[in-house]
Protein backbone atom coordinates (compact mmCIF):
# COMPACT_ATOMS: atom_id res chain seq x y z
CA MET A 1 25.09 -109.27 31.30
CA ARG A 2 26.22 -105.59 29.85
CA PRO A 3 24.83 -105.53 25.92
CA PRO A 4 21.15 -106.35 27.10
CA ILE A 5 21.08 -103.24 29.24
CA ILE A 6 22.21 -101.48 26.75
CA ILE A 7 19.54 -102.91 24.33
CA THR A 8 17.27 -102.01 27.25
CA CYS A 9 18.31 -98.81 27.38
CA PHE A 10 18.32 -97.21 23.83
CA ALA A 11 15.04 -99.42 23.62
CA LEU A 12 13.46 -96.97 26.42
CA ALA A 13 15.41 -94.26 24.90
CA ALA A 14 13.60 -94.59 20.98
CA ILE A 15 9.83 -95.41 23.56
CA VAL A 16 10.38 -92.25 25.00
CA ALA A 17 11.17 -89.86 21.47
CA GLY A 18 8.76 -91.60 19.88
CA ALA A 19 5.73 -90.54 23.17
CA LEU A 20 7.44 -86.78 22.20
CA TRP A 21 7.20 -86.99 18.53
CA CYS A 22 3.65 -87.50 18.83
CA GLU A 23 2.95 -84.98 21.59
CA TRP A 24 4.23 -82.35 19.30
CA THR A 25 2.76 -83.74 16.06
CA THR A 26 -0.34 -84.07 18.15
CA ARG A 27 0.46 -79.92 19.32
CA THR A 28 0.61 -79.33 15.41
CA SER A 29 -1.59 -77.26 13.28
CA SER A 30 -1.72 -75.29 10.04
CA ASP A 31 -0.68 -72.35 11.90
CA GLY A 32 2.47 -74.45 13.52
CA PRO A 33 3.09 -75.89 17.20
CA HIS A 34 1.54 -74.60 19.99
CA ALA A 35 3.19 -73.54 23.33
CA PRO A 36 2.58 -76.09 25.96
CA SER A 37 0.12 -74.82 28.08
CA ALA A 38 2.00 -74.16 31.76
CA ALA A 39 4.23 -70.86 29.22
CA VAL A 40 1.25 -69.42 27.77
CA ALA A 41 0.85 -66.05 29.50
CA PRO A 42 -2.07 -65.36 31.24
CA ARG A 43 -4.78 -62.70 29.38
CA SER A 44 -5.28 -59.74 31.77
CA LEU A 45 -9.59 -59.03 30.74
CA ASP A 46 -9.97 -55.00 30.43
CA ARG A 47 -12.92 -53.44 32.36
CA ASN A 48 -15.72 -54.16 30.17
CA GLU A 49 -14.61 -58.05 30.43
CA ARG A 50 -14.60 -57.75 33.54
CA GLU A 51 -18.11 -56.56 34.09
CA SER A 52 -19.31 -58.34 31.91
CA GLY A 53 -17.98 -61.31 33.85
CA ALA A 54 -19.90 -60.03 36.63
CA VAL A 55 -22.84 -59.36 35.90
CA ALA A 56 -22.96 -62.69 33.91
CA GLY A 57 -22.27 -65.01 37.02
CA ALA A 58 -24.30 -62.44 39.47
CA LYS A 59 -27.19 -63.21 36.95
CA ASN A 60 -26.72 -66.65 37.33
CA GLU A 61 -26.61 -66.44 41.16
CA VAL A 62 -29.28 -64.42 41.07
CA SER A 63 -31.53 -66.62 39.26
CA SER A 64 -31.34 -69.25 41.82
CA TYR A 65 -32.45 -67.05 44.60
CA GLN A 66 -36.16 -67.30 43.65
CA ILE A 67 -36.37 -67.60 46.85
CA ARG A 68 -39.07 -70.04 48.43
CA GLU A 69 -40.32 -71.25 51.68
CA GLU A 70 -39.59 -74.05 53.34
CA PRO A 71 -43.60 -75.33 54.98
CA GLY A 72 -43.08 -76.72 58.78
CA SER A 73 -40.20 -74.22 59.71
CA ASP A 74 -41.47 -71.84 62.47
CA SER A 75 -40.15 -68.70 62.47
CA ALA A 76 -37.21 -68.21 65.25
CA SER A 77 -36.31 -71.65 64.12
CA LEU A 78 -35.80 -70.73 60.92
CA LEU A 79 -33.98 -67.47 61.79
CA ALA A 80 -31.50 -69.36 63.12
CA ARG A 81 -31.13 -71.55 60.87
CA ALA A 82 -30.30 -68.35 58.23
CA ARG A 83 -27.84 -66.28 61.08
CA ASP A 84 -26.33 -70.08 61.23
CA ALA A 85 -25.76 -70.02 57.17
CA ALA A 86 -25.37 -66.46 56.94
CA GLN A 87 -21.99 -66.87 58.00
CA VAL A 88 -21.00 -69.73 56.31
CA ASP A 89 -23.18 -70.62 53.37
CA PRO A 90 -24.46 -67.05 52.50
CA MET A 91 -26.31 -68.82 49.53
CA LEU A 92 -28.43 -70.67 51.43
CA ALA A 93 -29.10 -68.02 54.39
CA LEU A 94 -30.14 -65.71 51.13
CA ARG A 95 -33.21 -68.73 50.65
CA LEU A 96 -33.74 -69.03 54.03
CA ALA A 97 -34.21 -64.93 54.26
CA VAL A 98 -37.78 -65.28 52.55
CA GLY A 99 -39.48 -67.09 54.75
CA LEU A 100 -38.75 -65.17 57.62
CA SER A 101 -42.05 -63.45 57.59
CA ARG A 102 -40.79 -60.09 59.80
CA GLU A 103 -39.56 -58.02 57.08
CA THR A 104 -36.83 -56.40 60.02
CA GLU A 105 -35.93 -60.12 60.30
CA ARG A 106 -35.89 -61.05 56.15
CA ARG A 107 -33.86 -57.82 55.67
CA ASP A 108 -30.99 -58.11 58.53
CA ILE A 109 -30.25 -61.87 57.12
CA ILE A 110 -30.26 -60.59 53.42
CA THR A 111 -27.53 -57.62 54.78
CA LEU A 112 -25.39 -60.03 56.59
CA ALA A 113 -25.50 -62.99 53.82
CA VAL A 114 -24.69 -60.81 51.19
CA GLY A 115 -21.82 -59.03 52.99
CA GLN A 116 -20.24 -62.75 53.86
CA TRP A 117 -20.25 -62.91 50.34
CA ALA A 118 -19.31 -60.10 49.41
CA THR A 119 -16.40 -61.72 51.03
CA MET A 120 -15.53 -64.45 48.67
CA ALA A 121 -17.09 -62.70 45.06
CA PRO A 122 -17.11 -58.71 46.21
CA GLU A 123 -17.76 -57.93 42.36
CA ALA A 124 -20.97 -60.71 42.21
CA ALA A 125 -22.10 -59.64 45.20
CA ALA A 126 -22.14 -55.67 44.74
CA VAL A 127 -24.05 -56.98 40.90
CA TRP A 128 -26.78 -58.87 43.53
CA ALA A 129 -27.09 -55.29 45.85
CA ASP A 130 -27.37 -53.15 42.97
CA GLY A 131 -30.90 -55.65 41.33
CA LEU A 132 -32.60 -55.29 44.63
CA GLU A 133 -35.81 -53.26 44.40
CA ASP A 134 -36.44 -52.13 47.78
CA PRO A 135 -34.40 -49.36 47.74
CA GLN A 136 -33.61 -49.27 51.58
CA LEU A 137 -32.79 -53.12 51.89
CA ARG A 138 -30.11 -51.97 48.27
CA SER A 139 -28.29 -49.28 50.54
CA ARG A 140 -28.13 -51.76 53.37
CA ALA A 141 -26.76 -54.44 51.29
CA PHE A 142 -24.57 -52.16 49.23
CA ALA A 143 -23.17 -51.01 52.12
CA ALA A 144 -22.04 -54.22 53.43
CA VAL A 145 -20.55 -55.28 50.05
CA ILE A 146 -18.34 -51.93 50.60
CA ALA A 147 -17.51 -53.12 54.50
CA ALA A 148 -16.51 -56.42 53.33
CA TRP A 149 -14.50 -55.35 49.88
CA THR A 150 -12.31 -52.52 51.80
CA GLU A 151 -10.98 -55.48 53.88
CA LYS A 152 -9.82 -56.82 49.92
CA SER A 153 -9.25 -53.38 48.11
CA PRO A 154 -10.03 -49.92 49.62
CA SER A 155 -10.08 -47.78 45.98
CA ALA A 156 -12.49 -50.22 44.92
CA ALA A 157 -14.51 -50.44 47.81
CA ALA A 158 -14.92 -46.61 47.71
CA THR A 159 -15.27 -46.20 44.23
CA LEU A 160 -18.73 -48.37 44.87
CA ALA A 161 -19.27 -46.10 47.23
CA LEU A 162 -19.76 -43.43 45.30
CA ASP A 163 -21.24 -44.88 42.20
CA GLY A 164 -23.03 -46.72 43.87
CA LEU A 165 -24.93 -45.21 46.44
CA ALA A 166 -27.12 -42.19 46.43
CA ALA A 167 -25.62 -38.51 47.20
CA GLY A 168 -26.76 -38.96 51.19
CA ALA A 169 -26.15 -39.77 54.84
CA GLU A 170 -25.49 -43.73 53.77
CA ARG A 171 -22.59 -42.66 50.77
CA GLU A 172 -21.03 -40.59 53.35
CA ALA A 173 -21.01 -43.07 56.04
CA ALA A 174 -19.65 -45.51 53.85
CA LEU A 175 -17.39 -43.38 52.30
CA LEU A 176 -16.00 -42.29 55.75
CA ASP A 177 -15.90 -45.88 56.89
CA VAL A 178 -13.83 -46.72 53.84
CA MET A 179 -10.67 -43.59 54.41
CA GLN A 180 -10.72 -44.77 58.32
CA ARG A 181 -9.81 -48.21 57.52
CA TRP A 182 -7.92 -47.42 54.19
CA ALA A 183 -5.82 -44.96 56.13
CA GLN A 184 -4.95 -47.15 58.71
CA VAL A 185 -3.42 -49.49 56.67
CA ALA A 186 -2.12 -47.34 53.49
CA PRO A 187 -2.80 -43.96 54.01
CA ASP A 188 -1.31 -41.92 51.34
CA GLY A 189 -3.49 -44.67 48.98
CA ALA A 190 -6.25 -43.08 50.46
CA ALA A 191 -4.67 -39.83 50.20
CA ALA A 192 -3.73 -40.41 46.62
CA TRP A 193 -7.93 -41.59 45.67
CA LEU A 194 -9.25 -38.55 47.65
CA GLY A 195 -7.25 -35.98 46.24
CA LYS A 196 -9.25 -36.84 42.96
CA LEU A 197 -12.44 -36.75 44.24
CA PRO A 198 -13.93 -32.98 43.54
CA ASP A 199 -14.07 -30.29 45.89
CA GLY A 200 -17.30 -30.02 47.92
CA ASP A 201 -18.97 -31.51 51.38
CA LEU A 202 -17.94 -34.83 51.00
CA ARG A 203 -14.12 -34.85 50.35
CA GLY A 204 -14.37 -31.97 52.76
CA ARG A 205 -15.74 -34.49 55.48
CA ALA A 206 -13.52 -37.15 54.75
CA LEU A 207 -10.18 -35.37 54.81
CA PRO A 208 -10.29 -35.06 58.97
CA VAL A 209 -11.05 -38.28 58.87
CA LEU A 210 -8.11 -39.31 57.05
CA VAL A 211 -5.42 -37.03 58.59
CA GLU A 212 -6.36 -37.95 62.01
CA THR A 213 -6.83 -41.99 61.21
CA TRP A 214 -2.50 -41.11 59.90
CA ALA A 215 -1.61 -38.97 62.35
CA SER A 216 -2.84 -40.94 65.04
CA ARG A 217 -0.71 -43.88 63.07
CA ASP A 218 2.38 -42.05 61.91
CA ALA A 219 1.64 -38.45 62.89
CA LEU A 220 5.18 -37.75 61.65
CA GLN A 221 4.57 -38.92 57.86
CA CYS A 222 1.23 -37.59 58.19
CA GLY A 223 2.83 -33.98 59.44
CA GLU A 224 4.95 -34.03 56.19
CA TRP A 225 2.02 -34.94 53.95
CA LEU A 226 0.43 -31.59 55.26
CA ASN A 227 3.14 -29.55 54.86
CA ARG A 228 3.09 -30.70 51.13
CA LEU A 229 -0.28 -29.45 50.67
CA PRO A 230 -1.07 -25.66 48.94
CA ASP A 231 -2.44 -22.67 51.19
CA GLY A 232 -5.92 -23.19 51.27
CA PRO A 233 -9.55 -23.76 53.17
CA GLU A 234 -8.64 -28.10 52.45
CA ARG A 235 -5.21 -27.25 54.28
CA ASP A 236 -6.63 -25.65 56.61
CA VAL A 237 -9.07 -28.22 57.94
CA ALA A 238 -6.17 -30.73 57.71
CA ALA A 239 -4.14 -28.87 59.78
CA LYS A 240 -7.37 -28.10 61.63
CA ALA A 241 -7.69 -32.35 61.94
CA TYR A 242 -3.72 -32.80 62.92
CA SER A 243 -3.33 -29.88 65.91
CA HIS A 244 -6.55 -31.92 67.42
CA GLN A 245 -4.81 -35.63 66.71
CA VAL A 246 -1.73 -34.52 68.35
CA ALA A 247 -2.81 -32.22 71.24
CA PRO A 248 -2.87 -34.74 73.39
CA SER A 249 0.81 -35.74 73.30
CA SER A 250 2.41 -33.11 71.84
CA GLY A 251 0.73 -29.73 73.02
CA ALA A 252 3.42 -27.32 71.76
CA VAL A 253 3.57 -28.92 68.52
CA ALA A 254 -0.20 -29.30 68.38
CA ALA A 255 -0.19 -24.60 68.91
CA GLN A 256 2.47 -24.85 65.81
CA TRP A 257 -0.32 -26.22 63.59
CA ALA A 258 -3.15 -24.59 63.96
CA GLU A 259 -1.38 -21.04 64.76
CA SER A 260 -0.36 -21.91 60.89
CA ILE A 261 -4.85 -21.76 60.06
CA GLY A 262 -5.65 -19.15 57.16
CA ASP A 263 -9.51 -18.67 58.50
CA ARG A 264 -9.51 -17.04 60.76
CA THR A 265 -12.42 -18.43 62.91
CA MET A 266 -11.24 -21.66 62.15
CA ARG A 267 -7.72 -20.37 63.82
CA GLU A 268 -9.22 -19.28 66.78
CA ARG A 269 -11.19 -22.68 67.02
CA ALA A 270 -8.69 -24.86 66.88
CA LEU A 271 -6.67 -23.02 69.14
CA THR A 272 -9.45 -23.46 71.80
CA ASP A 273 -9.10 -27.01 71.23
CA VAL A 274 -5.19 -26.78 72.20
CA ALA A 275 -5.24 -24.95 74.40
CA ARG A 276 -8.04 -27.10 76.62
CA THR A 277 -6.47 -30.65 75.78
CA TRP A 278 -3.38 -28.61 77.16
CA ILE A 279 -3.91 -27.16 80.45
CA GLY A 280 -5.62 -30.43 80.73
CA ARG A 281 -2.87 -32.50 80.19
CA ASP A 282 -0.24 -30.08 81.78
CA ALA A 283 -1.20 -26.99 83.41
CA ASP A 284 2.40 -25.18 83.60
CA ALA A 285 3.44 -25.53 80.07
CA ALA A 286 -0.09 -24.67 78.42
CA GLU A 287 0.00 -21.60 80.30
CA PRO A 288 2.58 -19.03 79.40
CA TRP A 289 1.97 -19.97 75.55
CA LEU A 290 -1.69 -19.72 76.40
CA ARG A 291 -1.51 -15.91 77.38
CA GLY A 292 0.45 -15.06 74.38
CA ALA A 293 -2.00 -17.11 71.83
CA ALA A 294 -4.14 -15.36 69.30
CA ILE A 295 -7.26 -16.27 71.07
CA PRO A 296 -9.72 -13.63 71.92
CA GLU A 297 -9.37 -12.77 75.61
CA ALA A 298 -12.71 -13.85 76.82
CA VAL A 299 -12.12 -16.93 75.55
CA LYS A 300 -8.54 -16.88 77.10
CA ALA A 301 -10.02 -16.40 80.72
CA ARG A 302 -11.95 -18.64 80.87
CA LEU A 303 -9.45 -21.26 79.69
CA LEU A 304 -7.47 -19.81 82.27
CA ALA A 305 -9.99 -19.90 85.13
CA LEU A 306 -9.78 -23.69 84.44
CA ARG A 307 -6.11 -23.59 84.51
CA HIS A 308 -6.36 -22.54 88.06
CA GLU A 309 -8.90 -24.49 88.99
CA ALA A 310 -7.22 -27.85 88.16
CA SER A 311 -4.22 -26.38 90.65
CA PRO A 312 -4.16 -27.54 93.56
CA GLY A 313 -6.45 -25.58 96.06
CA GLY A 314 -7.69 -23.63 93.59
CA GLN A 315 -4.39 -21.64 93.17
């Protein structure tokens, strides 16, 4: 019985070898053998290629949104369907939205749907939102995309807020929201991104949001970062925000940061804020510090009066 087994093995080997030869010759061209597909390294698209791809895909999506009204649908049931669809099928929700008679309802559904779309394809959703002609709706849609994108890529969301929204209250609100969420998960990254912004009101408003959020998460790490900042207006703003955040838990530390502020007016405001919080939490510990603090005497007297009012029997 042994010879038939040997013959069978040789036969199988020949079949396998033949199959491999056919595969190799199929993969061979004048340029030489091709590497197996699994071994081909993925190509990294540059920024222009990525953006053009996103735009093309979004334009295809937009073409399908030549939304038509559905005859026979009453407003209440259509609104209910659109709201349900916005959570699970944003494309359907966008189609249903145009059938809504009330402008406010239509805008609400579009905003909700595009925000949900952004959780799956933020770049395409952003391009689509950018194509909206209604300025108010465009801003709302962009804000929804930014909020959704923050969960996946805070840096991309922050950049979109700067580039996609016009300067004003909406852009500022969107950016501050991104900064707060970002600081909760990766404060050092948020700080690095903020440091690249040009000086101005927007950066000045975002800095306290970063510091207070970071300090509530990790006061030690945030304090170490603050100690590396050069003296100046920005450092003063950051120190004031830090002292405000840590005052409820550590009045003495908060007082030290407030005292380190270079600008006199800002320093007095920060010290007053710390004193008020510290007295409310631990008046006995706060009073000795307050008596020697660099706070205007009239303010100091009012704060000490609060301390005595808070004492048992008003003593």
